[in-house]
């Protein structure tokens, strides 16, 4: 499945509000919330299981990562962006940073 195919399928499972701004806000907050769930699961692996990752842990993180991607797909679509475009731009940006030796550090436009 391509990223754009995923995005189309994800859209069929979305519930839309009458207010597009509300949709965008919910989806942006959903990204943060689901990413937080990934971090919470990772914290428990490190704190309570000495970093030992079980098959169940891996499955639960996989589910949460899927939720992150779902929200990203919806938000991107609502902004007129395809997931393929987003991914291609990201890889190009990272490759450029690596080429210029600025992968470490901070700042959006390094």
N, C-alpha and C. Protein backbone atom coordinates (compact mmCIF):
# COMPACT_ATOMS: atom_id res chain seq x y z
N UNK A 1 0.84 -1.17 0.00
CA UNK A 1 0.00 0.00 0.00
C UNK A 1 0.90 1.25 0.00
N UNK A 2 0.58 2.21 -0.85
CA UNK A 2 1.33 3.46 -0.85
C UNK A 2 0.77 4.37 0.25
N UNK A 3 1.51 5.42 0.53
CA UNK A 3 1.04 6.38 1.52
C UNK A 3 -0.27 7.02 1.08
N UNK A 4 -0.37 7.35 -0.21
CA UNK A 4 -1.60 7.97 -0.70
C UNK A 4 -2.78 7.00 -0.65
N UNK A 5 -2.53 5.72 -0.92
CA UNK A 5 -3.61 4.73 -0.79
C UNK A 5 -4.07 4.65 0.66
N UNK A 6 -3.11 4.65 1.58
CA UNK A 6 -3.47 4.63 3.00
C UNK A 6 -4.33 5.85 3.33
N UNK A 7 -3.90 7.01 2.85
CA UNK A 7 -4.62 8.24 3.15
C UNK A 7 -6.06 8.15 2.66
N UNK A 8 -6.28 7.65 1.46
CA UNK A 8 -7.64 7.50 0.93
C UNK A 8 -8.46 6.56 1.81
N UNK A 9 -7.86 5.46 2.22
CA UNK A 9 -8.58 4.51 3.07
C UNK A 9 -8.86 5.08 4.45
N UNK A 10 -7.90 5.83 4.98
CA UNK A 10 -8.10 6.45 6.29
C UNK A 10 -9.27 7.43 6.26
N UNK A 11 -9.38 8.16 5.17
CA UNK A 11 -10.46 9.14 5.05
C UNK A 11 -11.84 8.48 5.10
N UNK A 12 -11.94 7.24 4.67
CA UNK A 12 -13.24 6.56 4.70
C UNK A 12 -13.67 6.21 6.12
N UNK A 13 -12.74 6.28 7.07
CA UNK A 13 -13.08 5.94 8.46
C UNK A 13 -13.25 7.19 9.33
N UNK A 14 -13.05 8.36 8.75
CA UNK A 14 -13.12 9.60 9.52
C UNK A 14 -14.57 10.04 9.71
N UNK A 15 -14.80 10.70 10.83
CA UNK A 15 -16.08 11.35 11.09
C UNK A 15 -15.80 12.85 11.03
N UNK A 16 -16.49 13.54 10.13
CA UNK A 16 -16.25 14.96 9.92
C UNK A 16 -17.27 15.81 10.67
N UNK A 17 -16.80 16.92 11.22
CA UNK A 17 -17.68 17.90 11.86
C UNK A 17 -18.15 18.90 10.81
N UNK A 18 -19.09 19.73 11.19
CA UNK A 18 -19.56 20.77 10.27
C UNK A 18 -18.53 21.88 10.12
N UNK A 19 -17.65 22.00 11.09
CA UNK A 19 -16.65 23.07 11.11
C UNK A 19 -15.28 22.51 10.73
N UNK A 20 -14.77 22.84 9.54
CA UNK A 20 -13.46 22.31 9.12
C UNK A 20 -12.33 22.68 10.07
N UNK A 21 -12.41 23.86 10.69
CA UNK A 21 -11.37 24.24 11.65
C UNK A 21 -11.38 23.29 12.84
N UNK A 22 -12.56 22.88 13.27
CA UNK A 22 -12.66 21.92 14.38
C UNK A 22 -12.03 20.60 13.98
N UNK A 23 -12.29 20.14 12.77
CA UNK A 23 -11.67 18.90 12.29
C UNK A 23 -10.15 19.00 12.36
N UNK A 24 -9.60 20.07 11.79
CA UNK A 24 -8.14 20.25 11.78
C UNK A 24 -7.58 20.27 13.19
N UNK A 25 -8.28 20.95 14.09
CA UNK A 25 -7.83 21.05 15.48
C UNK A 25 -7.85 19.68 16.14
N UNK A 26 -8.92 18.94 15.96
CA UNK A 26 -9.04 17.60 16.55
C UNK A 26 -7.94 16.70 16.01
N UNK A 27 -7.68 16.77 14.72
CA UNK A 27 -6.66 15.89 14.12
C UNK A 27 -5.26 16.28 14.58
N UNK A 28 -4.98 17.58 14.68
CA UNK A 28 -3.67 18.02 15.18
C UNK A 28 -3.48 17.58 16.63
N UNK A 29 -4.52 17.74 17.43
CA UNK A 29 -4.43 17.31 18.83
C UNK A 29 -4.34 15.79 18.92
N UNK A 30 -5.00 15.11 18.00
CA UNK A 30 -4.93 13.65 17.97
C UNK A 30 -3.52 13.15 17.72
N UNK A 31 -2.77 13.85 16.85
CA UNK A 31 -1.37 13.48 16.61
C UNK A 31 -0.60 13.55 17.92
N UNK A 32 -0.76 14.66 18.63
CA UNK A 32 -0.04 14.83 19.90
C UNK A 32 -0.47 13.79 20.93
N UNK A 33 -1.77 13.55 21.01
CA UNK A 33 -2.27 12.59 21.99
C UNK A 33 -1.79 11.17 21.73
N UNK A 34 -1.85 10.75 20.48
CA UNK A 34 -1.42 9.40 20.15
C UNK A 34 0.09 9.25 20.28
N UNK A 35 0.84 10.30 19.92
CA UNK A 35 2.29 10.26 20.12
C UNK A 35 2.59 10.14 21.61
N UNK A 36 1.80 10.80 22.43
CA UNK A 36 1.94 10.67 23.88
C UNK A 36 1.70 9.24 24.34
N UNK A 37 0.76 8.56 23.72
CA UNK A 37 0.51 7.16 24.08
C UNK A 37 1.69 6.27 23.70
N UNK A 38 2.33 6.56 22.58
CA UNK A 38 3.54 5.82 22.20
C UNK A 38 4.61 6.02 23.27
N UNK A 39 4.81 7.27 23.67
CA UNK A 39 5.82 7.59 24.68
C UNK A 39 5.50 6.92 26.01
N UNK A 40 4.24 6.92 26.39
CA UNK A 40 3.83 6.29 27.65
C UNK A 40 4.15 4.79 27.64
N UNK A 41 3.87 4.14 26.53
CA UNK A 41 4.18 2.71 26.43
C UNK A 41 5.69 2.49 26.50
N UNK A 42 6.46 3.35 25.83
CA UNK A 42 7.91 3.23 25.86
C UNK A 42 8.45 3.46 27.27
N UNK A 43 7.89 4.45 27.95
CA UNK A 43 8.30 4.74 29.33
C UNK A 43 8.14 3.50 30.20
N UNK A 44 7.02 2.83 30.07
CA UNK A 44 6.76 1.64 30.88
C UNK A 44 7.74 0.51 30.55
N UNK A 45 8.09 0.38 29.28
CA UNK A 45 9.07 -0.64 28.89
C UNK A 45 10.41 -0.36 29.57
N UNK A 46 10.83 0.90 29.53
CA UNK A 46 12.12 1.27 30.11
C UNK A 46 12.08 1.24 31.63
N UNK A 47 11.02 1.80 32.21
CA UNK A 47 10.95 1.94 33.67
C UNK A 47 10.65 0.63 34.38
N UNK A 48 9.79 -0.19 33.81
CA UNK A 48 9.31 -1.37 34.52
C UNK A 48 9.79 -2.69 33.95
N UNK A 49 10.40 -2.65 32.78
CA UNK A 49 10.82 -3.90 32.15
C UNK A 49 12.27 -3.84 31.68
N UNK A 50 13.03 -2.90 32.25
CA UNK A 50 14.47 -2.75 31.94
C UNK A 50 14.75 -2.68 30.44
N UNK A 51 13.83 -2.12 29.69
CA UNK A 51 14.03 -1.97 28.25
C UNK A 51 13.75 -3.22 27.44
N UNK A 52 13.32 -4.27 28.10
CA UNK A 52 12.99 -5.52 27.41
C UNK A 52 11.65 -5.37 26.70
N UNK A 53 11.66 -5.51 25.39
CA UNK A 53 10.45 -5.32 24.60
C UNK A 53 9.84 -6.67 24.28
N UNK A 54 8.62 -6.87 24.74
CA UNK A 54 7.92 -8.12 24.46
C UNK A 54 7.16 -8.00 23.14
N UNK A 55 6.68 -9.13 22.64
CA UNK A 55 5.86 -9.10 21.43
C UNK A 55 4.60 -8.29 21.66
N UNK A 56 4.02 -8.38 22.87
CA UNK A 56 2.83 -7.59 23.20
C UNK A 56 3.15 -6.10 23.18
N UNK A 57 4.31 -5.72 23.75
CA UNK A 57 4.73 -4.31 23.72
C UNK A 57 4.83 -3.82 22.28
N UNK A 58 5.48 -4.61 21.46
CA UNK A 58 5.69 -4.24 20.06
C UNK A 58 4.34 -4.06 19.35
N UNK A 59 3.40 -4.96 19.62
CA UNK A 59 2.08 -4.86 19.01
C UNK A 59 1.35 -3.61 19.48
N UNK A 60 1.42 -3.31 20.77
CA UNK A 60 0.73 -2.13 21.30
C UNK A 60 1.32 -0.84 20.74
N UNK A 61 2.63 -0.79 20.62
CA UNK A 61 3.27 0.39 20.03
C UNK A 61 2.90 0.50 18.55
N UNK A 62 2.85 -0.62 17.88
CA UNK A 62 2.45 -0.65 16.46
C UNK A 62 1.05 -0.05 16.29
N UNK A 63 0.14 -0.41 17.17
CA UNK A 63 -1.23 0.12 17.11
C UNK A 63 -1.24 1.63 17.31
N UNK A 64 -0.48 2.09 18.30
CA UNK A 64 -0.44 3.53 18.58
C UNK A 64 0.21 4.30 17.44
N UNK A 65 1.27 3.74 16.86
CA UNK A 65 1.90 4.39 15.70
C UNK A 65 0.91 4.48 14.54
N UNK A 66 0.10 3.44 14.38
CA UNK A 66 -0.94 3.48 13.35
C UNK A 66 -1.93 4.60 13.60
N UNK A 67 -2.28 4.83 14.87
CA UNK A 67 -3.18 5.93 15.20
C UNK A 67 -2.55 7.29 14.88
N UNK A 68 -1.24 7.42 15.16
CA UNK A 68 -0.53 8.66 14.81
C UNK A 68 -0.62 8.89 13.30
N UNK A 69 -0.33 7.85 12.53
CA UNK A 69 -0.35 7.98 11.06
C UNK A 69 -1.75 8.33 10.57
N UNK A 70 -2.78 7.76 11.19
CA UNK A 70 -4.17 8.05 10.81
C UNK A 70 -4.46 9.54 10.95
N UNK A 71 -4.10 10.09 12.10
CA UNK A 71 -4.33 11.52 12.31
C UNK A 71 -3.50 12.37 11.36
N UNK A 72 -2.26 11.98 11.11
CA UNK A 72 -1.41 12.71 10.16
C UNK A 72 -2.05 12.69 8.77
N UNK A 73 -2.56 11.54 8.36
CA UNK A 73 -3.19 11.42 7.04
C UNK A 73 -4.38 12.35 6.92
N UNK A 74 -5.20 12.42 7.95
CA UNK A 74 -6.39 13.27 7.90
C UNK A 74 -6.02 14.74 7.90
N UNK A 75 -5.09 15.13 8.77
CA UNK A 75 -4.68 16.53 8.82
C UNK A 75 -4.04 16.95 7.51
N UNK A 76 -3.16 16.11 6.98
CA UNK A 76 -2.52 16.43 5.70
C UNK A 76 -3.57 16.63 4.61
N UNK A 77 -4.53 15.72 4.53
CA UNK A 77 -5.59 15.84 3.51
C UNK A 77 -6.36 17.14 3.68
N UNK A 78 -6.68 17.49 4.92
CA UNK A 78 -7.46 18.70 5.17
C UNK A 78 -6.69 19.96 4.77
N UNK A 79 -5.37 19.84 4.66
CA UNK A 79 -4.53 20.96 4.23
C UNK A 79 -4.18 20.88 2.75
N UNK A 80 -4.79 19.91 2.05
CA UNK A 80 -4.55 19.76 0.62
C UNK A 80 -3.23 19.08 0.29
N UNK A 81 -2.72 18.29 1.23
CA UNK A 81 -1.44 17.61 1.05
C UNK A 81 -1.62 16.11 0.96
N UNK A 82 -0.90 15.48 0.06
CA UNK A 82 -0.91 14.02 0.03
C UNK A 82 0.20 13.53 0.95
N UNK A 83 0.02 12.35 1.51
CA UNK A 83 1.07 11.77 2.36
C UNK A 83 2.35 11.55 1.57
N UNK A 84 2.22 11.16 0.31
CA UNK A 84 3.44 10.99 -0.51
C UNK A 84 4.22 12.29 -0.60
N UNK A 85 3.52 13.41 -0.80
CA UNK A 85 4.19 14.72 -0.85
C UNK A 85 4.89 15.03 0.46
N UNK A 86 4.20 14.78 1.56
CA UNK A 86 4.76 15.05 2.88
C UNK A 86 6.02 14.23 3.10
N UNK A 87 5.96 12.95 2.78
CA UNK A 87 7.10 12.05 2.98
C UNK A 87 8.27 12.43 2.07
N UNK A 88 7.97 12.74 0.81
CA UNK A 88 9.04 13.11 -0.13
C UNK A 88 9.74 14.39 0.31
N UNK A 89 8.97 15.38 0.74
CA UNK A 89 9.56 16.63 1.21
C UNK A 89 10.42 16.39 2.45
N UNK A 90 9.93 15.54 3.35
CA UNK A 90 10.68 15.26 4.58
C UNK A 90 12.01 14.58 4.28
N UNK A 91 12.00 13.58 3.41
CA UNK A 91 13.24 12.87 3.07
C UNK A 91 14.21 13.82 2.37
N UNK A 92 13.70 14.67 1.50
CA UNK A 92 14.58 15.64 0.81
C UNK A 92 15.19 16.61 1.82
N UNK A 93 14.39 17.07 2.77
CA UNK A 93 14.89 17.99 3.80
C UNK A 93 15.98 17.32 4.63
N UNK A 94 15.74 16.09 5.04
CA UNK A 94 16.72 15.37 5.87
C UNK A 94 18.00 15.07 5.10
N UNK A 95 17.86 14.70 3.83
CA UNK A 95 19.04 14.44 3.00
C UNK A 95 19.87 15.71 2.83
N UNK A 96 19.21 16.84 2.65
CA UNK A 96 19.91 18.11 2.51
C UNK A 96 20.65 18.46 3.81
N UNK A 97 19.99 18.25 4.94
CA UNK A 97 20.66 18.51 6.23
C UNK A 97 21.88 17.63 6.40
N UNK A 98 21.74 16.36 6.04
CA UNK A 98 22.88 15.44 6.17
C UNK A 98 24.03 15.89 5.27
N UNK A 99 23.71 16.26 4.05
CA UNK A 99 24.72 16.70 3.09
C UNK A 99 25.47 17.93 3.62
N UNK A 100 24.75 18.82 4.28
CA UNK A 100 25.36 20.04 4.81
C UNK A 100 25.94 19.85 6.21
N UNK A 101 25.77 18.65 6.79
CA UNK A 101 26.31 18.36 8.11
C UNK A 101 25.59 19.07 9.24
N UNK A 102 24.28 19.29 9.07
CA UNK A 102 23.52 19.98 10.12
C UNK A 102 22.35 19.12 10.62
N UNK A 103 22.57 17.82 10.70
CA UNK A 103 21.50 16.95 11.20
C UNK A 103 21.34 17.08 12.70
N UNK A 104 22.39 17.47 13.39
CA UNK A 104 22.29 17.70 14.84
C UNK A 104 22.06 19.18 15.07
N UNK A 105 21.47 19.48 16.18
CA UNK A 105 21.21 20.88 16.50
C UNK A 105 19.73 21.15 16.52
N UNK A 106 19.38 22.42 16.56
CA UNK A 106 17.97 22.77 16.62
C UNK A 106 17.66 23.83 15.57
N UNK A 107 16.39 24.04 15.39
CA UNK A 107 15.94 25.01 14.40
C UNK A 107 15.25 24.32 13.24
N UNK A 108 14.16 24.91 12.81
CA UNK A 108 13.38 24.32 11.73
C UNK A 108 14.10 24.39 10.39
N UNK A 109 14.79 25.48 10.14
CA UNK A 109 15.40 25.70 8.83
C UNK A 109 16.92 25.69 8.93
N UNK A 110 17.48 24.55 9.35
CA UNK A 110 18.94 24.44 9.49
C UNK A 110 19.59 24.23 8.16
